Protein backbone atom coordinates (compact mmCIF):
# COMPACT_ATOMS: atom_id res chain seq x y z
CA MET A 1 -0.11 -43.20 -10.89
CA GLU A 2 -3.79 -42.39 -11.61
CA MET A 3 -4.69 -39.14 -13.27
CA ARG A 4 -8.16 -37.51 -13.33
CA ALA A 5 -8.64 -34.85 -15.99
CA PHE A 6 -10.85 -31.77 -15.55
CA ARG A 7 -14.13 -32.28 -17.29
CA HIS A 8 -15.36 -28.61 -17.56
CA LEU A 9 -13.34 -25.47 -17.09
CA LEU A 10 -15.21 -22.37 -16.08
CA PRO A 11 -14.50 -19.04 -17.81
CA ILE A 12 -12.71 -16.63 -15.33
CA GLY A 13 -15.56 -14.14 -15.37
CA VAL A 14 -18.11 -16.83 -14.30
CA ALA A 15 -15.72 -18.08 -11.54
CA GLN A 16 -15.39 -14.48 -10.21
CA SER A 17 -19.18 -13.90 -10.24
CA ARG A 18 -19.96 -17.18 -8.54
CA LEU A 19 -17.56 -16.47 -5.73
CA LEU A 20 -18.84 -12.82 -5.36
CA ARG A 21 -22.44 -13.98 -5.42
CA GLU A 22 -21.88 -16.40 -2.50
CA ALA A 23 -19.42 -14.14 -0.54
CA ARG A 24 -21.23 -13.02 2.66
CA PRO A 25 -20.14 -9.57 4.03
CA ILE A 26 -19.00 -9.68 7.64
CA ASP A 27 -21.72 -8.68 10.05
CA ARG A 28 -19.83 -8.81 13.33
CA THR A 29 -18.90 -5.53 14.86
CA GLU A 30 -16.43 -4.33 17.48
CA ARG A 31 -15.19 -1.10 19.13
CA VAL A 32 -11.61 -0.25 18.65
CA PRO A 33 -9.35 2.57 19.90
CA LEU A 34 -9.01 5.37 17.28
CA GLU A 35 -5.33 4.74 17.07
CA ALA A 36 -6.12 1.31 15.67
CA ALA A 37 -9.05 2.32 13.42
CA ILE A 38 -7.09 3.25 10.29
CA GLY A 39 -8.42 1.36 7.24
CA ARG A 40 -11.32 -0.27 9.20
CA VAL A 41 -14.88 -0.02 7.90
CA ALA A 42 -17.37 1.99 9.99
CA ALA A 43 -20.35 -0.17 11.16
CA ARG A 44 -22.76 2.74 11.52
CA THR A 45 -23.26 6.32 10.76
CA LEU A 46 -21.92 8.58 13.51
CA HIS A 47 -23.53 12.02 13.91
CA ALA A 48 -22.10 15.05 15.79
CA PRO A 49 -23.80 15.55 19.08
CA ARG A 50 -22.55 19.25 19.26
CA PRO A 51 -21.36 21.71 16.54
CA ILE A 52 -17.64 21.87 15.94
CA PRO A 53 -16.46 24.55 16.87
CA ALA A 54 -18.97 24.84 19.64
CA PHE A 55 -18.45 28.69 19.70
CA PRO A 56 -16.87 31.29 17.37
CA ARG A 57 -13.16 31.11 17.93
CA ALA A 58 -9.91 32.62 16.69
CA THR A 59 -7.97 30.78 13.98
CA TRP A 60 -4.86 32.90 14.51
CA ASP A 61 -3.14 34.72 17.37
CA GLY A 62 -4.13 38.36 17.25
CA TYR A 63 -6.52 41.07 18.34
CA ALA A 64 -10.35 40.84 18.45
CA PHE A 65 -12.32 44.03 17.81
CA ARG A 66 -15.32 45.56 15.99
CA SER A 67 -14.64 45.62 12.22
CA ALA A 68 -16.64 48.91 12.08
CA ASP A 69 -14.09 50.59 14.21
CA VAL A 70 -11.29 50.10 11.58
CA ALA A 71 -13.44 50.39 8.34
CA ARG A 72 -11.69 53.61 7.52
CA ALA A 73 -8.17 52.80 8.77
CA SER A 74 -5.25 53.48 6.38
CA ARG A 75 -1.48 54.10 6.59
CA THR A 76 -2.05 57.80 6.49
CA SER A 77 -4.93 57.66 8.97
CA PRO A 78 -4.50 54.62 11.23
CA VAL A 79 -6.99 53.78 14.02
CA ARG A 80 -5.89 53.46 17.71
CA LEU A 81 -7.74 50.86 19.69
CA SER A 82 -7.51 50.42 23.47
CA LEU A 83 -6.27 47.01 24.57
CA VAL A 84 -8.62 45.92 27.43
CA GLY A 85 -7.88 42.28 28.10
CA GLU A 86 -6.73 38.93 26.68
CA VAL A 87 -8.31 35.59 25.98
CA PHE A 88 -6.44 32.22 25.95
CA ALA A 89 -7.73 29.13 24.21
CA GLU A 90 -9.36 27.74 27.38
CA GLY A 91 -10.80 30.98 28.55
CA GLN A 92 -13.31 33.78 27.62
CA PHE A 93 -13.53 37.61 27.93
CA GLY A 94 -15.96 38.52 30.73
CA ARG A 95 -17.92 41.33 29.06
CA ARG A 96 -18.94 42.72 25.71
CA VAL A 97 -16.22 44.60 23.62
CA LYS A 98 -17.09 48.23 23.28
CA PRO A 99 -16.43 50.62 20.43
CA GLY A 100 -12.70 51.55 20.27
CA GLU A 101 -11.69 48.56 22.24
CA CYS A 102 -9.72 45.38 21.41
CA VAL A 103 -8.80 42.12 23.19
CA ALA A 104 -5.75 39.99 22.63
CA ILE A 105 -6.70 36.50 21.69
CA ALA A 106 -4.84 33.23 21.23
CA THR A 107 -5.65 30.64 18.56
CA GLY A 108 -8.67 28.65 19.52
CA GLY A 109 -9.81 31.25 21.94
CA ARG A 110 -13.58 32.13 22.19
CA LEU A 111 -14.43 35.28 20.24
CA PRO A 112 -15.50 38.06 22.78
CA ALA A 113 -19.07 39.28 22.49
CA GLY A 114 -19.29 42.54 20.43
CA ALA A 115 -16.14 41.60 18.35
CA ASP A 116 -16.50 40.34 14.87
CA ALA A 117 -13.03 40.48 13.39
CA ILE A 118 -9.47 39.53 14.26
CA GLU A 119 -6.17 40.91 13.05
CA ILE A 120 -3.01 38.92 13.54
CA PHE A 121 -0.30 40.30 15.75
CA GLU A 122 2.14 40.77 12.93
CA ARG A 123 -0.11 43.24 11.07
CA VAL A 124 -0.60 45.79 13.85
CA ARG A 125 1.65 47.95 15.88
CA ARG A 126 1.64 47.96 19.69
CA ALA A 127 1.74 51.39 21.25
CA GLY A 128 1.57 51.00 25.13
CA ALA A 129 -1.92 49.96 26.15
CA ASN A 130 -3.08 50.51 22.55
CA ILE A 131 -2.78 48.86 19.18
CA VAL A 132 -2.57 50.82 15.85
CA VAL A 133 -4.44 49.29 12.89
CA ASP A 134 -3.53 50.85 9.41
CA ARG A 135 -5.99 49.00 7.17
CA PRO A 136 -9.61 47.84 7.14
CA VAL A 137 -10.42 44.28 8.47
CA THR A 138 -13.52 42.63 7.28
CA ALA A 139 -16.09 41.06 9.61
CA GLY A 140 -15.42 37.37 10.08
CA SER A 141 -11.61 37.63 9.37
CA ARG A 142 -9.53 34.99 11.24
CA ILE A 143 -12.66 33.62 12.89
CA ALA A 144 -14.08 30.02 12.73
CA LYS A 145 -17.87 30.26 13.04
CA ARG A 146 -19.89 27.99 15.28
CA GLY A 147 -20.53 24.72 13.49
CA GLU A 148 -18.34 25.76 10.50
CA ASP A 149 -16.26 22.53 10.61
CA ILE A 150 -19.13 20.12 11.72
CA ALA A 151 -22.78 21.21 12.14
CA LEU A 152 -24.89 19.88 14.95
CA GLY A 153 -26.35 16.49 13.81
CA ALA A 154 -24.16 16.31 10.78
CA PRO A 155 -22.62 12.80 9.88
CA VAL A 156 -19.08 12.58 10.88
CA VAL A 157 -18.55 9.15 9.29
CA GLY A 158 -21.05 7.13 7.34
CA ALA A 159 -21.83 3.42 7.67
CA GLU A 160 -19.60 1.32 5.36
CA GLU A 161 -16.99 4.27 5.16
CA VAL A 162 -13.39 3.23 5.16
CA LEU A 163 -11.82 5.26 8.01
CA THR A 164 -9.07 7.61 6.97
CA PRO A 165 -6.90 9.72 9.24
CA ALA A 166 -9.26 12.71 8.55
CA ALA A 167 -12.34 10.58 9.39
CA ILE A 168 -10.66 9.40 12.63
CA GLY A 169 -9.91 13.00 13.42
CA GLY A 170 -13.59 13.78 13.02
CA ILE A 171 -14.52 11.11 15.47
CA ALA A 172 -11.97 12.36 17.95
CA ALA A 173 -13.25 16.00 17.44
CA ILE A 174 -16.68 15.08 18.82
CA GLY A 175 -15.08 13.51 21.83
CA ARG A 176 -15.15 9.74 21.03
CA ASP A 177 -12.10 7.71 21.78
CA ARG A 178 -13.23 4.52 19.96
CA ALA A 179 -14.86 3.65 16.65
CA GLU A 180 -17.55 0.99 15.99
CA VAL A 181 -16.26 -1.01 12.97
CA TYR A 182 -16.90 -4.32 11.31
CA ALA A 183 -14.72 -7.15 12.60
CA ARG A 184 -11.87 -8.37 10.47
CA PRO A 185 -12.90 -11.48 8.50
CA VAL A 186 -11.17 -14.61 9.86
CA VAL A 187 -9.48 -16.64 6.92
CA THR A 188 -8.01 -19.98 7.64
CA ILE A 189 -5.26 -21.33 5.28
CA ILE A 190 -4.78 -25.10 5.11
CA PRO A 191 -1.75 -26.26 3.04
CA ASN A 192 -1.51 -29.94 2.16
CA GLY A 193 1.12 -32.22 0.74
CA ASN A 194 3.67 -34.78 2.07
CA GLU A 195 6.46 -32.73 0.74
CA LEU A 196 5.62 -29.45 2.46
CA LEU A 197 7.69 -28.04 5.27
CA ALA A 198 6.77 -25.12 7.40
CA PRO A 199 9.23 -22.10 7.14
CA GLY A 200 11.52 -22.44 10.19
CA GLU A 201 11.35 -26.14 10.13
CA ARG A 202 14.60 -28.04 9.70
CA TRP A 203 14.91 -28.84 5.98
CA LYS A 204 14.90 -32.50 4.89
CA ASP A 205 15.74 -34.19 1.55
CA GLY A 206 12.72 -34.03 -0.74
CA GLY A 207 11.11 -31.39 1.20
CA ILE A 208 9.67 -28.08 -0.11
CA TYR A 209 9.15 -25.05 2.08
CA ASP A 210 5.49 -23.83 1.87
CA CYS A 211 5.41 -20.25 0.79
CA ASN A 212 1.59 -20.11 -0.10
CA ASN A 213 0.76 -19.57 3.47
CA ALA A 214 2.94 -16.47 3.68
CA THR A 215 1.78 -14.99 0.38
CA LEU A 216 -1.92 -15.59 1.00
CA SER A 217 -1.57 -14.25 4.57
CA ALA A 218 -0.15 -11.06 3.11
CA VAL A 219 -3.06 -10.56 0.64
CA ILE A 220 -5.51 -11.27 3.53
CA HIS A 221 -3.84 -8.74 5.80
CA ALA A 222 -3.83 -6.16 3.05
CA THR A 223 -7.67 -6.81 2.56
CA GLY A 224 -8.58 -6.22 6.09
CA GLY A 225 -8.76 -9.82 7.13
CA LEU A 226 -7.10 -11.91 9.85
CA PRO A 227 -5.24 -14.96 8.42
CA ARG A 228 -4.96 -18.14 10.47
CA SER A 229 -2.28 -20.35 9.00
CA GLU A 230 -2.17 -23.95 9.72
CA LEU A 231 0.74 -26.20 9.57
CA PRO A 232 0.95 -28.43 6.47
CA ILE A 233 -1.24 -31.52 6.38
CA ALA A 234 -0.10 -34.82 4.88
CA ASP A 235 -1.83 -36.24 1.84
CA ASP A 236 -4.54 -37.95 3.97
CA PRO A 237 -8.07 -37.31 2.68
CA ARG A 238 -9.64 -37.81 6.13
CA ALA A 239 -7.24 -35.51 7.82
CA ILE A 240 -7.74 -32.85 5.11
CA GLU A 241 -11.56 -33.10 5.35
CA ARG A 242 -11.43 -32.81 9.21
CA ALA A 243 -9.27 -29.79 9.00
CA ILE A 244 -11.66 -28.18 6.46
CA ARG A 245 -14.74 -28.86 8.50
CA SER A 246 -13.06 -27.57 11.71
CA ALA A 247 -11.88 -24.48 9.91
CA LEU A 248 -15.37 -23.65 8.61
CA ARG A 249 -16.81 -23.68 12.22
CA ARG A 250 -14.37 -20.86 13.31
CA SER A 251 -13.63 -18.93 10.11
CA ASP A 252 -15.33 -16.69 7.62
CA LEU A 253 -13.48 -18.24 4.63
CA VAL A 254 -11.32 -21.19 4.17
CA LEU A 255 -8.43 -21.50 1.68
CA VAL A 256 -6.72 -24.86 0.93
CA THR A 257 -3.61 -24.94 -1.04
CA GLY A 258 -2.42 -27.88 -3.01
CA GLY A 259 -4.19 -31.12 -3.73
CA SER A 260 -6.52 -29.51 -6.21
CA SER A 261 -5.23 -30.78 -9.49
CA VAL A 262 -5.61 -34.18 -11.27
CA GLY A 263 -3.07 -36.38 -9.66
CA GLU A 264 -3.60 -39.49 -7.55
CA ARG A 265 -3.12 -37.66 -4.34
CA ASP A 266 -5.10 -34.64 -5.25
CA TYR A 267 -8.03 -35.35 -2.98
CA LEU A 268 -9.85 -31.98 -2.89
CA PRO A 269 -12.03 -32.70 -5.90
CA GLN A 270 -13.52 -35.66 -3.95
CA ILE A 271 -13.51 -33.90 -0.55
CA LEU A 272 -15.32 -30.62 -1.49
CA PRO A 273 -18.59 -32.18 -2.72
CA ARG A 274 -18.88 -33.99 0.78
CA VAL A 275 -18.21 -30.65 2.57
CA GLY A 276 -20.57 -28.27 0.69
CA ARG A 277 -22.19 -27.31 -2.55
CA VAL A 278 -19.58 -27.16 -5.37
CA LEU A 279 -19.44 -23.88 -7.21
CA PHE A 280 -16.76 -24.92 -9.79
CA ARG A 281 -13.91 -27.36 -10.31
CA GLY A 282 -11.28 -25.90 -12.64
CA ILE A 283 -10.99 -22.51 -14.32
CA ALA A 284 -10.02 -21.91 -17.96
CA VAL A 285 -6.95 -19.80 -16.98
CA ARG A 286 -3.26 -20.15 -16.99
CA PRO A 287 -1.62 -20.02 -14.58
CA GLY A 288 -4.10 -21.34 -11.95
CA LYS A 289 -6.34 -23.81 -13.82
CA PRO A 290 -6.72 -26.37 -10.76
CA THR A 291 -8.85 -24.07 -8.63
CA LEU A 292 -11.99 -25.32 -6.89
CA ALA A 293 -14.73 -23.70 -4.75
CA ALA A 294 -17.63 -24.78 -2.66
CA VAL A 295 -19.91 -23.17 -0.13
CA TRP A 296 -21.17 -24.52 3.25
CA ASN A 297 -23.62 -22.58 5.39
CA GLY A 298 -22.89 -19.34 3.68
CA LYS A 299 -19.17 -19.77 3.92
CA LEU A 300 -16.89 -20.28 1.07
CA VAL A 301 -14.09 -22.96 0.71
CA VAL A 302 -11.59 -22.21 -2.10
CA ALA A 303 -9.00 -24.76 -3.14
CA MET A 304 -6.01 -23.06 -4.56
CA PRO A 305 -3.22 -24.50 -6.81
CA GLY A 306 -0.04 -25.62 -4.99
CA HIS A 307 2.32 -23.89 -7.38
CA PRO A 308 3.34 -20.60 -5.75
CA THR A 309 2.85 -18.36 -8.86
CA SER A 310 -0.45 -19.93 -9.77
CA CYS A 311 -1.73 -19.56 -6.17
CA LEU A 312 -0.68 -15.94 -5.77
CA SER A 313 -1.90 -15.00 -9.32
CA ASN A 314 -5.31 -16.45 -8.56
CA ALA A 315 -5.32 -14.65 -5.26
CA TYR A 316 -4.92 -11.21 -7.16
CA TRP A 317 -7.60 -11.65 -9.79
CA LEU A 318 -10.05 -14.15 -8.18
CA LEU A 319 -9.72 -13.96 -4.29
CA LEU A 320 -9.01 -10.24 -3.91
CA PRO A 321 -12.49 -9.07 -5.01
CA THR A 322 -14.02 -11.76 -2.91
CA LEU A 323 -12.01 -10.91 0.26
CA ARG A 324 -12.88 -7.31 -0.14
CA ARG A 325 -16.55 -8.14 -0.43
CA ILE A 326 -16.42 -10.17 2.79
CA ALA A 327 -14.59 -7.42 4.51
CA ARG A 328 -16.99 -4.75 3.20
CA LEU A 329 -14.18 -2.79 1.37
CA PRO A 330 -15.15 -1.11 -1.85
CA GLY A 331 -14.09 -2.18 -5.24
CA PRO A 332 -12.06 -5.19 -6.53
CA GLY A 333 -8.74 -4.03 -5.17
CA TRP A 334 -7.40 -2.72 -8.46
CA GLU A 335 -7.86 0.05 -10.97
CA GLU A 336 -7.66 0.09 -14.74
CA ILE A 337 -4.72 1.73 -16.35
CA ARG A 338 -3.11 1.78 -19.84
CA VAL A 339 0.46 0.74 -19.95
CA LYS A 340 3.20 0.31 -22.55
CA LEU A 341 4.82 -3.14 -22.61
CA ALA A 342 8.59 -3.29 -22.25
CA GLY A 343 8.67 -6.87 -23.38
CA SER A 344 6.80 -9.64 -25.17
CA PRO A 345 5.15 -12.30 -22.87
CA ASP A 346 4.29 -15.75 -24.00
CA GLY A 347 1.69 -16.00 -26.67
CA PRO A 348 -1.99 -16.40 -25.78
CA SER A 349 -3.67 -19.87 -25.34
CA PRO A 350 -6.37 -20.96 -27.82
CA ASP A 351 -8.48 -22.35 -24.98
CA LEU A 352 -7.38 -20.64 -21.74
CA THR A 353 -7.40 -17.05 -20.49
CA THR A 354 -3.75 -15.90 -19.70
CA VAL A 355 -2.89 -13.75 -16.75
CA VAL A 356 0.24 -11.80 -17.59
CA PRO A 357 1.77 -10.22 -14.41
CA LEU A 358 3.63 -6.91 -14.88
CA ARG A 359 6.26 -5.09 -12.94
CA LEU A 360 5.60 -1.37 -13.35
CA GLY A 361 8.50 1.20 -13.70
CA ALA A 362 9.28 4.35 -15.64
CA GLY A 363 5.86 4.35 -17.21
CA LEU A 364 6.38 0.84 -18.62
CA GLY A 365 5.05 -2.60 -17.85
CA TYR A 366 7.69 -5.47 -17.67
CA PRO A 367 6.35 -8.93 -18.06
CA THR A 368 7.68 -11.17 -15.19
CA PHE A 369 6.20 -14.60 -15.64
CA HIS A 370 8.64 -17.43 -16.35
CA ASP A 371 7.13 -20.55 -14.59
CA SER A 372 4.09 -21.31 -12.42
CA HIS A 373 6.21 -23.07 -9.77
CA ALA A 374 8.60 -20.07 -9.34
CA ILE A 375 7.47 -17.45 -6.87
CA THR A 376 9.99 -15.06 -8.52
CA SER A 377 7.64 -14.91 -11.50
CA LEU A 378 5.66 -12.48 -9.43
CA ALA A 379 8.45 -10.51 -7.84
CA GLY A 380 7.78 -6.82 -7.88
CA VAL A 381 4.44 -7.25 -9.72
CA GLY A 382 2.18 -4.30 -9.48
CA ALA A 383 -0.34 -5.04 -12.21
CA PHE A 384 -1.59 -7.79 -14.51
CA VAL A 385 -3.18 -8.09 -17.93
CA ILE A 386 -5.99 -10.48 -18.66
CA VAL A 387 -5.56 -11.88 -22.33
CA PRO A 388 -8.75 -13.81 -23.48
CA PRO A 389 -8.53 -17.28 -25.05
CA GLY A 390 -7.30 -16.83 -28.70
CA GLY A 391 -6.42 -13.32 -28.26
CA ALA A 392 -3.79 -11.36 -30.21
CA PRO A 393 -0.14 -11.86 -28.90
CA LEU A 394 1.05 -8.99 -26.69
CA ARG A 395 4.03 -7.35 -28.26
CA ARG A 396 6.84 -5.21 -26.92
CA GLY A 397 5.99 -1.51 -27.43
CA SER A 398 2.27 -2.08 -27.61
CA THR A 399 -0.09 -0.28 -25.08
CA VAL A 400 -2.55 -2.47 -23.23
CA SER A 401 -5.22 -2.30 -20.63
CA ALA A 402 -4.06 -3.63 -17.22
CA HIS A 403 -5.33 -3.92 -13.63
CA ARG A 404 -3.09 -2.01 -11.29
CA LEU A 405 -3.10 -3.45 -7.80
CA LEU A 406 -3.97 -0.78 -5.27
CA PRO A 407 -1.68 -0.20 -2.19
CA PRO A 408 -0.48 -1.97 -0.13
CA LEU A 409 -0.51 -4.87 -2.62
CA GLY A 410 0.54 -2.64 -5.48
CA PRO A 411 2.76 0.51 -5.82
CA ALA A 412 1.56 3.75 -4.42
């Protein structure tokens, strides 16, 4: 069996920067219904074509009147106002409110001309065709002014803004039923290896069910992308190359799992230079050293390790920022935290950066890694620690800097 060693391993920071430098943010746009717009990235700034509210309106059910009429009201000297009409949310009072008058008004109703204050039903006493007010009510009370929520011409959402429920509500408030957003990046995943079986396929002796498709698809979904998973391809260099070239024509990013290491049937180190410009072959990291990348016509091809933990670990620290850049999402997908270790992970390597996965709980970080081939090494992981080559060993009870994965990849 022929083995081909890695000649030069790239530091992880350099690998990250090369991918980010070549990552091309998506430029396709689409219009989607508001109920499907959560988490999408706005493609342009949207300005309000009219003020919200479009007119002064009641924020509570109550009575509208002139504040000057009750300026001297008190419990010992209440003011009696004549009830002359009512206004529901969809209507308006037909004339100006005169001194000594009031109008019953529903929440959302247009403030009658002449009135400048509203008192809620519960704070007044009804007396036949009159109401009795026993305290002063200041001008503007219980009233939303014209344009108080959104001024005419004000930006409702900005270009590149990630749409939240409140932002979607703002779009609906100005009468739009759809949002113009950037399209979801299409990411094709190509697993390769004679031993691989697709989940759901009948098991056969010597077979291994591919789980990298599923884990990478979850990361892609969580990062606003659309994964396209292909069935496993046998160890045939021509078939693998054809699949990569085909995927590049219809995808924004191509991920290939397996076949990236130094074995006789690891063909990707020979294929990628024929497909595009190689960015790197091998990263000085564990787990995940056999990782390659190339770029063709502005599109990235990343060859990921076949071992499940190596693949998913690299997806977190290497692919996640790149996926977010392509999807126009802000930040790398994690935040920096300080965490106290509940265990002592394996010691650092003298030559390789070590990625230590952590399960978070009760204010502690529990190291989970036990082998790169075992997907359970990342079960429940919500953060990871980057230990540089030759760094000091991590000890139980020590407090370290870690990257906490943001939801939905990490805990809320």
